[in-house]
Amino acid sequence: MDELAAYMPMIIGAAMTFFGALTCVYWYLYWKRNYRGDLLTGGPYAVVRHPLYTGFTVLTLGLALAVPFLETLMLAAITLVVLGIYVPKEEQALLEQYGRKYGEYTKRVPWRLIPKVY
């Protein structure tokens, strides 16, 4: 049992990495099939406003947990800092581009990256 406990961070991290990668692929396929220049609000966008960033964040945190090398830890930290700065700026740009439509969307989907958290 102790042996399994020693591998739990790696197992959880691998699952997070897989789920994050799957989310990124799902986002890409949805975006590729549906984006025509207008605001997307269905599919993964009905859950969070920035599903690609969600997937990439989960992927990088999973890598850092599964393979806690300096490089993966730095990637996770840089991802969190950059998204913390970039997401509010992108949201402002989307509000300027789509106006009231984006404002209504943010009320329907209040979560930027993590449902019920942020």
C-alpha atoms as a PDB file:
ATOM      1  CA  MET A   1       0.000   0.000   0.000  1.00  0.00           C
ATOM      2  CA  ASP A   2       2.828   2.417   0.824  1.00  0.00           C
ATOM      3  CA  GLU A   3       4.333   1.713  -2.578  1.00  0.00           C
ATOM      4  CA  LEU A   4       1.103   2.786  -4.304  1.00  0.00           C
ATOM      5  CA  ALA A   5       0.944   5.952  -2.193  1.00  0.00           C
ATOM      6  CA  ALA A   6       4.416   6.887  -3.401  1.00  0.00           C
ATOM      7  CA  TYR A   7       3.160   6.795  -7.000  1.00  0.00           C
ATOM      8  CA  MET A   8      -0.081   8.716  -6.393  1.00  0.00           C
ATOM      9  CA  PRO A   9       1.272  12.146  -7.426  1.00  0.00           C
ATOM     10  CA  MET A  10       2.524  10.616 -10.675  1.00  0.00           C
ATOM     11  CA  ILE A  11      -0.786   8.828 -11.313  1.00  0.00           C
ATOM     12  CA  ILE A  12      -2.878  11.916 -10.538  1.00  0.00           C
ATOM     13  CA  GLY A  13      -0.528  14.122 -12.565  1.00  0.00           C
ATOM     14  CA  ALA A  14      -0.680  11.773 -15.538  1.00  0.00           C
ATOM     15  CA  ALA A  15      -4.487  11.775 -15.392  1.00  0.00           C
ATOM     16  CA  MET A  16      -4.519  15.581 -15.208  1.00  0.00           C
ATOM     17  CA  THR A  17      -2.099  15.813 -18.134  1.00  0.00           C
ATOM     18  CA  PHE A  18      -4.269  13.488 -20.202  1.00  0.00           C
ATOM     19  CA  PHE A  19      -7.485  15.344 -19.283  1.00  0.00           C
ATOM     20  CA  GLY A  20      -5.837  18.706 -20.041  1.00  0.00           C
ATOM     21  CA  ALA A  21      -4.599  17.508 -23.418  1.00  0.00           C
ATOM     22  CA  LEU A  22      -8.017  16.040 -24.207  1.00  0.00           C
ATOM     23  CA  THR A  23      -9.647  19.360 -23.306  1.00  0.00           C
ATOM     24  CA  CYS A  24      -7.261  21.236 -25.618  1.00  0.00           C
ATOM     25  CA  VAL A  25      -8.015  18.861 -28.497  1.00  0.00           C
ATOM     26  CA  TYR A  26     -11.765  19.092 -27.869  1.00  0.00           C
ATOM     27  CA  TRP A  27     -11.543  22.895 -27.800  1.00  0.00           C
ATOM     28  CA  TYR A  28      -9.592  22.943 -31.063  1.00  0.00           C
ATOM     29  CA  LEU A  29     -12.006  20.649 -32.864  1.00  0.00           C
ATOM     30  CA  TYR A  30     -15.023  22.609 -31.611  1.00  0.00           C
ATOM     31  CA  TRP A  31     -13.431  25.955 -32.510  1.00  0.00           C
ATOM     32  CA  LYS A  32     -12.341  24.736 -35.960  1.00  0.00           C
ATOM     33  CA  ARG A  33     -15.831  23.465 -36.793  1.00  0.00           C
ATOM     34  CA  ASN A  34     -17.816  26.374 -35.356  1.00  0.00           C
ATOM     35  CA  TYR A  35     -15.857  29.634 -35.396  1.00  0.00           C
ATOM     36  CA  ARG A  36     -17.044  31.957 -38.153  1.00  0.00           C
ATOM     37  CA  GLY A  37     -15.995  35.299 -36.677  1.00  0.00           C
ATOM     38  CA  ASP A  38     -18.760  35.545 -34.097  1.00  0.00           C
ATOM     39  CA  LEU A  39     -18.713  34.894 -30.361  1.00  0.00           C
ATOM     40  CA  LEU A  40     -18.794  31.184 -29.495  1.00  0.00           C
ATOM     41  CA  THR A  41     -20.946  30.337 -26.475  1.00  0.00           C
ATOM     42  CA  GLY A  42     -21.737  26.638 -26.924  1.00  0.00           C
ATOM     43  CA  GLY A  43     -19.755  23.460 -26.499  1.00  0.00           C
ATOM     44  CA  PRO A  44     -16.849  23.948 -24.092  1.00  0.00           C
ATOM     45  CA  TYR A  45     -17.642  27.679 -23.976  1.00  0.00           C
ATOM     46  CA  ALA A  46     -20.901  26.843 -22.185  1.00  0.00           C
ATOM     47  CA  VAL A  47     -18.842  25.589 -19.217  1.00  0.00           C
ATOM     48  CA  VAL A  48     -16.000  28.127 -18.984  1.00  0.00           C
ATOM     49  CA  ARG A  49     -15.180  31.228 -20.998  1.00  0.00           C
ATOM     50  CA  HIS A  50     -11.620  30.155 -21.859  1.00  0.00           C
ATOM     51  CA  PRO A  51     -11.629  26.365 -22.327  1.00  0.00           C
ATOM     52  CA  LEU A  52      -8.274  26.224 -24.133  1.00  0.00           C
ATOM     53  CA  TYR A  53      -6.597  27.964 -21.220  1.00  0.00           C
ATOM     54  CA  THR A  54      -8.353  25.593 -18.828  1.00  0.00           C
ATOM     55  CA  GLY A  55      -7.034  22.580 -20.697  1.00  0.00           C
ATOM     56  CA  PHE A  56      -3.515  23.948 -20.950  1.00  0.00           C
ATOM     57  CA  THR A  57      -3.468  24.883 -17.249  1.00  0.00           C
ATOM     58  CA  VAL A  58      -4.603  21.400 -16.199  1.00  0.00           C
ATOM     59  CA  LEU A  59      -2.038  19.881 -18.574  1.00  0.00           C
ATOM     60  CA  THR A  60       0.866  21.929 -17.177  1.00  0.00           C
ATOM     61  CA  LEU A  61      -0.144  21.380 -13.539  1.00  0.00           C
ATOM     62  CA  GLY A  62      -0.466  17.659 -14.254  1.00  0.00           C
ATOM     63  CA  LEU A  63       2.992  17.571 -15.799  1.00  0.00           C
ATOM     64  CA  ALA A  64       4.436  19.395 -12.801  1.00  0.00           C
ATOM     65  CA  LEU A  65       2.807  16.882 -10.459  1.00  0.00           C
ATOM     66  CA  ALA A  66       3.700  13.778 -12.483  1.00  0.00           C
ATOM     67  CA  VAL A  67       7.230  14.848 -13.369  1.00  0.00           C
ATOM     68  CA  PRO A  68       8.316  17.435 -10.798  1.00  0.00           C
ATOM     69  CA  PHE A  69      11.440  18.643 -12.569  1.00  0.00           C
ATOM     70  CA  LEU A  70      12.483  22.262 -12.510  1.00  0.00           C
ATOM     71  CA  GLU A  71      11.319  22.698 -16.108  1.00  0.00           C
ATOM     72  CA  THR A  72       7.792  21.389 -15.544  1.00  0.00           C
ATOM     73  CA  LEU A  73       7.448  23.382 -12.325  1.00  0.00           C
ATOM     74  CA  MET A  74       8.582  26.523 -14.154  1.00  0.00           C
ATOM     75  CA  LEU A  75       6.166  25.828 -17.022  1.00  0.00           C
ATOM     76  CA  ALA A  76       3.264  25.538 -14.560  1.00  0.00           C
ATOM     77  CA  ALA A  77       4.291  28.696 -12.696  1.00  0.00           C
ATOM     78  CA  ILE A  78       4.772  30.705 -15.902  1.00  0.00           C
ATOM     79  CA  THR A  79       1.419  29.459 -17.228  1.00  0.00           C
ATOM     80  CA  LEU A  80      -0.379  30.616 -14.081  1.00  0.00           C
ATOM     81  CA  VAL A  81       1.300  34.026 -14.066  1.00  0.00           C
ATOM     82  CA  VAL A  82       0.778  34.679 -17.780  1.00  0.00           C
ATOM     83  CA  LEU A  83      -2.868  33.621 -17.689  1.00  0.00           C
ATOM     84  CA  GLY A  84      -3.442  35.680 -14.550  1.00  0.00           C
ATOM     85  CA  ILE A  85      -2.281  38.730 -16.499  1.00  0.00           C
ATOM     86  CA  TYR A  86      -3.605  37.847 -19.953  1.00  0.00           C
ATOM     87  CA  VAL A  87      -7.140  36.577 -19.263  1.00  0.00           C
ATOM     88  CA  PRO A  88      -8.478  39.864 -17.813  1.00  0.00           C
ATOM     89  CA  LYS A  89      -6.969  41.759 -20.758  1.00  0.00           C
ATOM     90  CA  GLU A  90      -8.497  39.333 -23.240  1.00  0.00           C
ATOM     91  CA  GLU A  91     -11.861  39.632 -21.525  1.00  0.00           C
ATOM     92  CA  GLN A  92     -11.700  43.415 -21.837  1.00  0.00           C
ATOM     93  CA  ALA A  93     -10.910  43.074 -25.545  1.00  0.00           C
ATOM     94  CA  LEU A  94     -13.821  40.658 -26.007  1.00  0.00           C
ATOM     95  CA  LEU A  95     -16.138  43.061 -24.208  1.00  0.00           C
ATOM     96  CA  GLU A  96     -15.013  45.860 -26.530  1.00  0.00           C
ATOM     97  CA  GLN A  97     -15.403  43.646 -29.611  1.00  0.00           C
ATOM     98  CA  TYR A  98     -18.743  42.003 -28.797  1.00  0.00           C
ATOM     99  CA  GLY A  99     -20.217  44.542 -26.354  1.00  0.00           C
ATOM    100  CA  ARG A 100     -23.478  43.637 -24.664  1.00  0.00           C
ATOM    101  CA  LYS A 101     -23.435  40.160 -26.212  1.00  0.00           C
ATOM    102  CA  TYR A 102     -20.234  39.320 -24.323  1.00  0.00           C
ATOM    103  CA  GLY A 103     -21.574  40.906 -21.142  1.00  0.00           C
ATOM    104  CA  GLU A 104     -24.661  38.697 -21.288  1.00  0.00           C
ATOM    105  CA  TYR A 105     -22.461  35.688 -21.972  1.00  0.00           C
ATOM    106  CA  THR A 106     -20.351  36.399 -18.861  1.00  0.00           C
ATOM    107  CA  LYS A 107     -23.532  36.389 -16.787  1.00  0.00           C
ATOM    108  CA  ARG A 108     -24.603  33.016 -18.210  1.00  0.00           C
ATOM    109  CA  VAL A 109     -21.080  31.563 -17.887  1.00  0.00           C
ATOM    110  CA  PRO A 110     -19.504  33.251 -14.866  1.00  0.00           C
ATOM    111  CA  TRP A 111     -16.400  31.058 -14.718  1.00  0.00           C
ATOM    112  CA  ARG A 112     -13.279  32.049 -16.646  1.00  0.00           C
ATOM    113  CA  LEU A 113     -11.219  28.862 -16.264  1.00  0.00           C
ATOM    114  CA  ILE A 114     -12.479  26.616 -13.471  1.00  0.00           C
ATOM    115  CA  PRO A 115     -16.196  26.008 -12.887  1.00  0.00           C
ATOM    116  CA  LYS A 116     -17.369  27.214  -9.456  1.00  0.00           C
ATOM    117  CA  VAL A 117     -13.866  28.533  -8.659  1.00  0.00           C
ATOM    118  CA  TYR A 118     -12.569  31.117 -11.160  1.00  0.00           C
END
